[in-house]
Amino acid sequence: MSNIVIEVQSAQNYFFEKVDIRDIAALERIYTKYQPTDSIHFAAETHVDKSIENPCIFTETNVLGTQNLLECHRKFQLQRFHLISTDEVYGDIPDGGLFTEESLLRPSNPYSSSKASSEMLVHAYARTF
């Protein structure tokens, strides 16, 4: 893994900006500065236990943050939007079963609910816009 990071970091088109995805004005400044063509959205609050202690931050970051990125994607007319999610959006795995992309979403805690909501926003934006 570390060699992939080194390879990516040395690419001429790689830039790192630390910004809160809940801050759409900051995101818009970055999109204006770098003019990206695509987005890969990894940002998220994680861990079920933390989401039980403070569910609000999970909704703010994972849902509002995703919407902010989607709005930037739309405003700046990017080509692709890739969302990295979690299998936890499907809930508890059935005995001996597997999840597929066709499985029903059945989140069971604030973390997985916020990630499922994020997925639904991506689907809605893809269909609507």
C-alpha atoms as a PDB file:
ATOM      1  CA  MET A   1       0.000   0.000   0.000  1.00  0.00           C
ATOM      2  CA  SER A   2       2.720   2.503   0.880  1.00  0.00           C
ATOM      3  CA  ASN A   3       4.259   2.223  -2.606  1.00  0.00           C
ATOM      4  CA  ILE A   4       0.892   3.147  -4.162  1.00  0.00           C
ATOM      5  CA  VAL A   5       0.691   6.242  -1.959  1.00  0.00           C
ATOM      6  CA  ILE A   6       4.230   7.243  -2.938  1.00  0.00           C
ATOM      7  CA  GLU A   7       3.435   6.720  -6.622  1.00  0.00           C
ATOM      8  CA  VAL A   8       0.230   8.769  -6.418  1.00  0.00           C
ATOM      9  CA  GLN A   9       1.831  11.542  -4.366  1.00  0.00           C
ATOM     10  CA  SER A  10       4.584  11.952  -6.930  1.00  0.00           C
ATOM     11  CA  ALA A  11       2.142  12.380  -9.825  1.00  0.00           C
ATOM     12  CA  GLN A  12       2.086  15.851 -11.350  1.00  0.00           C
ATOM     13  CA  ASN A  13      -1.707  16.005 -11.138  1.00  0.00           C
ATOM     14  CA  TYR A  14      -1.881  15.070  -7.434  1.00  0.00           C
ATOM     15  CA  PHE A  15      -2.616  17.765  -4.882  1.00  0.00           C
ATOM     16  CA  PHE A  16      -3.608  17.382  -1.244  1.00  0.00           C
ATOM     17  CA  GLU A  17      -5.884  19.917   0.407  1.00  0.00           C
ATOM     18  CA  LYS A  18      -7.205  19.367   3.913  1.00  0.00           C
ATOM     19  CA  VAL A  19     -10.723  20.786   4.013  1.00  0.00           C
ATOM     20  CA  ASP A  20     -13.989  20.036   5.764  1.00  0.00           C
ATOM     21  CA  ILE A  21     -16.445  18.723   3.172  1.00  0.00           C
ATOM     22  CA  ARG A  22     -19.238  20.373   5.130  1.00  0.00           C
ATOM     23  CA  ASP A  23     -17.782  23.736   4.027  1.00  0.00           C
ATOM     24  CA  ILE A  24     -19.045  24.186   0.467  1.00  0.00           C
ATOM     25  CA  ALA A  25     -17.298  27.553   0.030  1.00  0.00           C
ATOM     26  CA  ALA A  26     -13.937  25.920   0.775  1.00  0.00           C
ATOM     27  CA  LEU A  27     -14.748  23.107  -1.649  1.00  0.00           C
ATOM     28  CA  GLU A  28     -15.658  25.574  -4.372  1.00  0.00           C
ATOM     29  CA  ARG A  29     -12.319  27.383  -3.891  1.00  0.00           C
ATOM     30  CA  ILE A  30     -10.487  24.075  -4.370  1.00  0.00           C
ATOM     31  CA  TYR A  31     -12.527  23.124  -7.445  1.00  0.00           C
ATOM     32  CA  THR A  32     -11.857  26.577  -8.913  1.00  0.00           C
ATOM     33  CA  LYS A  33      -8.141  26.347  -8.134  1.00  0.00           C
ATOM     34  CA  TYR A  34      -7.501  22.854  -9.562  1.00  0.00           C
ATOM     35  CA  GLN A  35     -10.351  22.403 -12.064  1.00  0.00           C
ATOM     36  CA  PRO A  36     -10.651  18.627 -11.602  1.00  0.00           C
ATOM     37  CA  THR A  37     -12.346  16.426 -14.183  1.00  0.00           C
ATOM     38  CA  ASP A  38     -13.466  13.658 -11.809  1.00  0.00           C
ATOM     39  CA  SER A  39     -14.137  13.064  -8.099  1.00  0.00           C
ATOM     40  CA  ILE A  40     -13.372  10.100  -5.865  1.00  0.00           C
ATOM     41  CA  HIS A  41     -15.185  10.577  -2.579  1.00  0.00           C
ATOM     42  CA  PHE A  42     -13.505   8.697   0.297  1.00  0.00           C
ATOM     43  CA  ALA A  43     -14.280  11.224   3.029  1.00  0.00           C
ATOM     44  CA  ALA A  44     -16.479   9.982   5.861  1.00  0.00           C
ATOM     45  CA  GLU A  45     -16.983   9.760   9.546  1.00  0.00           C
ATOM     46  CA  THR A  46     -16.485   6.093  10.413  1.00  0.00           C
ATOM     47  CA  HIS A  47     -16.998   3.458  13.088  1.00  0.00           C
ATOM     48  CA  VAL A  48     -20.315   2.288  14.406  1.00  0.00           C
ATOM     49  CA  ASP A  49     -19.483   2.929  18.070  1.00  0.00           C
ATOM     50  CA  LYS A  50     -18.577   6.551  17.370  1.00  0.00           C
ATOM     51  CA  SER A  51     -21.814   7.020  15.444  1.00  0.00           C
ATOM     52  CA  ILE A  52     -23.809   5.880  18.451  1.00  0.00           C
ATOM     53  CA  GLU A  53     -21.990   8.387  20.671  1.00  0.00           C
ATOM     54  CA  ASN A  54     -22.398  11.323  18.257  1.00  0.00           C
ATOM     55  CA  PRO A  55     -24.816  10.575  15.392  1.00  0.00           C
ATOM     56  CA  CYS A  56     -25.177  14.216  14.303  1.00  0.00           C
ATOM     57  CA  ILE A  57     -21.613  14.549  13.015  1.00  0.00           C
ATOM     58  CA  PHE A  58     -22.155  11.426  10.888  1.00  0.00           C
ATOM     59  CA  THR A  59     -25.185  12.960   9.209  1.00  0.00           C
ATOM     60  CA  GLU A  60     -23.426  16.280   8.744  1.00  0.00           C
ATOM     61  CA  THR A  61     -20.260  14.809   7.221  1.00  0.00           C
ATOM     62  CA  ASN A  62     -21.526  11.746   5.393  1.00  0.00           C
ATOM     63  CA  VAL A  63     -24.780  13.192   4.067  1.00  0.00           C
ATOM     64  CA  LEU A  64     -24.334  16.970   3.841  1.00  0.00           C
ATOM     65  CA  GLY A  65     -20.674  16.554   2.883  1.00  0.00           C
ATOM     66  CA  THR A  66     -21.632  14.215   0.050  1.00  0.00           C
ATOM     67  CA  GLN A  67     -24.280  16.638  -1.151  1.00  0.00           C
ATOM     68  CA  ASN A  68     -21.724  19.456  -1.120  1.00  0.00           C
ATOM     69  CA  LEU A  69     -19.350  17.390  -3.243  1.00  0.00           C
ATOM     70  CA  LEU A  70     -22.193  16.497  -5.616  1.00  0.00           C
ATOM     71  CA  GLU A  71     -23.123  20.163  -5.930  1.00  0.00           C
ATOM     72  CA  CYS A  72     -19.517  21.012  -6.786  1.00  0.00           C
ATOM     73  CA  HIS A  73     -19.469  18.126  -9.255  1.00  0.00           C
ATOM     74  CA  ARG A  74     -22.575  19.555 -10.908  1.00  0.00           C
ATOM     75  CA  LYS A  75     -21.510  23.210 -10.778  1.00  0.00           C
ATOM     76  CA  PHE A  76     -18.053  22.526 -12.207  1.00  0.00           C
ATOM     77  CA  GLN A  77     -19.391  19.935 -14.705  1.00  0.00           C
ATOM     78  CA  LEU A  78     -17.093  17.099 -13.743  1.00  0.00           C
ATOM     79  CA  GLN A  79     -17.208  13.866 -15.727  1.00  0.00           C
ATOM     80  CA  ARG A  80     -17.330  11.115 -13.073  1.00  0.00           C
ATOM     81  CA  PHE A  81     -18.196  10.865  -9.410  1.00  0.00           C
ATOM     82  CA  HIS A  82     -16.992   7.791  -7.515  1.00  0.00           C
ATOM     83  CA  LEU A  83     -18.345   7.197  -4.021  1.00  0.00           C
ATOM     84  CA  ILE A  84     -16.566   4.817  -1.680  1.00  0.00           C
ATOM     85  CA  SER A  85     -19.153   3.324   0.644  1.00  0.00           C
ATOM     86  CA  THR A  86     -19.401   0.325   2.982  1.00  0.00           C
ATOM     87  CA  ASP A  87     -21.053  -3.079   3.008  1.00  0.00           C
ATOM     88  CA  GLU A  88     -22.670  -2.081   6.298  1.00  0.00           C
ATOM     89  CA  VAL A  89     -25.405  -0.287   4.351  1.00  0.00           C
ATOM     90  CA  TYR A  90     -26.913  -3.757   3.789  1.00  0.00           C
ATOM     91  CA  GLY A  91     -27.256  -4.524   7.509  1.00  0.00           C
ATOM     92  CA  ASP A  92     -26.555  -7.914   9.018  1.00  0.00           C
ATOM     93  CA  ILE A  93     -25.316 -10.549   6.608  1.00  0.00           C
ATOM     94  CA  PRO A  94     -27.656 -13.533   6.360  1.00  0.00           C
ATOM     95  CA  ASP A  95     -26.294 -16.918   7.476  1.00  0.00           C
ATOM     96  CA  GLY A  96     -24.123 -18.199   4.675  1.00  0.00           C
ATOM     97  CA  GLY A  97     -25.334 -15.400   2.447  1.00  0.00           C
ATOM     98  CA  LEU A  98     -23.638 -12.731   0.444  1.00  0.00           C
ATOM     99  CA  PHE A  99     -24.553  -9.198  -0.424  1.00  0.00           C
ATOM    100  CA  THR A 100     -24.678  -7.959  -3.989  1.00  0.00           C
ATOM    101  CA  GLU A 101     -25.339  -4.542  -5.436  1.00  0.00           C
ATOM    102  CA  GLU A 102     -28.932  -5.719  -5.817  1.00  0.00           C
ATOM    103  CA  SER A 103     -29.339  -6.385  -2.075  1.00  0.00           C
ATOM    104  CA  LEU A 104     -31.766  -4.163  -0.186  1.00  0.00           C
ATOM    105  CA  LEU A 105     -30.327  -1.404   1.945  1.00  0.00           C
ATOM    106  CA  ARG A 106     -30.988  -2.167   5.615  1.00  0.00           C
ATOM    107  CA  PRO A 107     -28.661   0.030   7.665  1.00  0.00           C
ATOM    108  CA  SER A 108     -28.772  -0.684  11.381  1.00  0.00           C
ATOM    109  CA  ASN A 109     -26.934   2.217  13.046  1.00  0.00           C
ATOM    110  CA  PRO A 110     -26.243   5.921  12.445  1.00  0.00           C
ATOM    111  CA  TYR A 111     -22.979   5.204  10.604  1.00  0.00           C
ATOM    112  CA  SER A 112     -24.478   2.793   8.081  1.00  0.00           C
ATOM    113  CA  SER A 113     -27.598   4.956   7.752  1.00  0.00           C
ATOM    114  CA  SER A 114     -25.505   7.988   6.886  1.00  0.00           C
ATOM    115  CA  LYS A 115     -23.544   6.003   4.302  1.00  0.00           C
ATOM    116  CA  ALA A 116     -26.766   4.611   2.791  1.00  0.00           C
ATOM    117  CA  SER A 117     -28.129   8.155   2.626  1.00  0.00           C
ATOM    118  CA  SER A 118     -24.964   9.225   0.868  1.00  0.00           C
ATOM    119  CA  GLU A 119     -25.445   6.444  -1.682  1.00  0.00           C
ATOM    120  CA  MET A 120     -29.038   7.491  -2.280  1.00  0.00           C
ATOM    121  CA  LEU A 121     -27.951  11.079  -2.917  1.00  0.00           C
ATOM    122  CA  VAL A 122     -25.431   9.891  -5.498  1.00  0.00           C
ATOM    123  CA  HIS A 123     -28.109   7.811  -7.238  1.00  0.00           C
ATOM    124  CA  ALA A 124     -30.581  10.716  -7.161  1.00  0.00           C
ATOM    125  CA  TYR A 125     -28.060  13.197  -8.572  1.00  0.00           C
ATOM    126  CA  ALA A 126     -27.038  10.759 -11.318  1.00  0.00           C
ATOM    127  CA  ARG A 127     -30.663  10.324 -12.349  1.00  0.00           C
ATOM    128  CA  THR A 128     -31.784  13.936 -11.913  1.00  0.00           C
ATOM    129  CA  PHE A 129     -28.772  15.796 -13.268  1.00  0.00           C
END
